[in-house]
């Protein structure tokens, strides 16, 4: 997929100063807008490379409903939420059992140590791994999960999902897209209204719901009956369900870092950020600035 010159400046820039200038302009423009309505908004920081501090601040300001989603994403849904304990579990999932005892369990750099490793596991393009801010790299991992799930489906199953998503018949040549591999299909779908901007997240939710049914997976949440609704996308457990679907057929070796389970946390975190941005009226601005 070709990258425009403007995209290259954002994704392929080689200096921190470029992102600093971009973030400064983003903050300046935001000063004249309405105050955010979601208390979590100040902690999303979509143009930054998240360190331990940003991760800690974000987790520490989650409300009860969002805490439950994060706990479910790391398979600790019955635990009492504690930001440090969440970070320890994420480090455990992302580590080899032999190296975990020697790692910083709480103060690790989220972007450099967790996100870049995960992006490599999912074969995200190197220019994104090297230069994309945390929010954008999380989204690219979500893209990669879509590709992985798509490639587990048959062409007939893919066509059925496209028909379920596109009730109006706006996606042309569904049969042709259904024959394509995940990367090619995503590129084609990204040119449609269903996979552009915020609509990507509603479409990915519907995709998850339909794929689970076709693959014989019973989702444990009744809310998925309305999986294409905004609330189901952003406040439901879409992130870790997507990762669970991607895990199908994958070989996870005992004692090795578990990339699929780590992806469950990362994608759920990303969707919570999207929710906060949406409620604060800033999502379109952020997605546009990142060319999503």
Foldseek 3Di string as FASTA:
>chain_A
DDDDPLLCLQLVNDDPVSLVVVVVVVVVVCVPDDFFPFPLQVLLSQSAAAFLVSQLVNQVPDDPLLQLLLCVLLPNNVDDDDSLVSQQSLLVLQAFLVCSVVDDSRGGTCLPRPLLVLCVVLVQDPSNSNGHHLLVSLVSSVLSLQLLLLQVDQLVLQLVLVCVQCVPPPQPPSSVLSPDHSVVNLVSCCVDPCCDFPNVQLSLQSSLLSSCVVVVHDDPDPVSVPRSDPCCRQSNQSFSSSLVSSCVPPDDDPRGNNSSSSSSSSRNVSSPNLVSCVSRVNRRVSCVSNVD
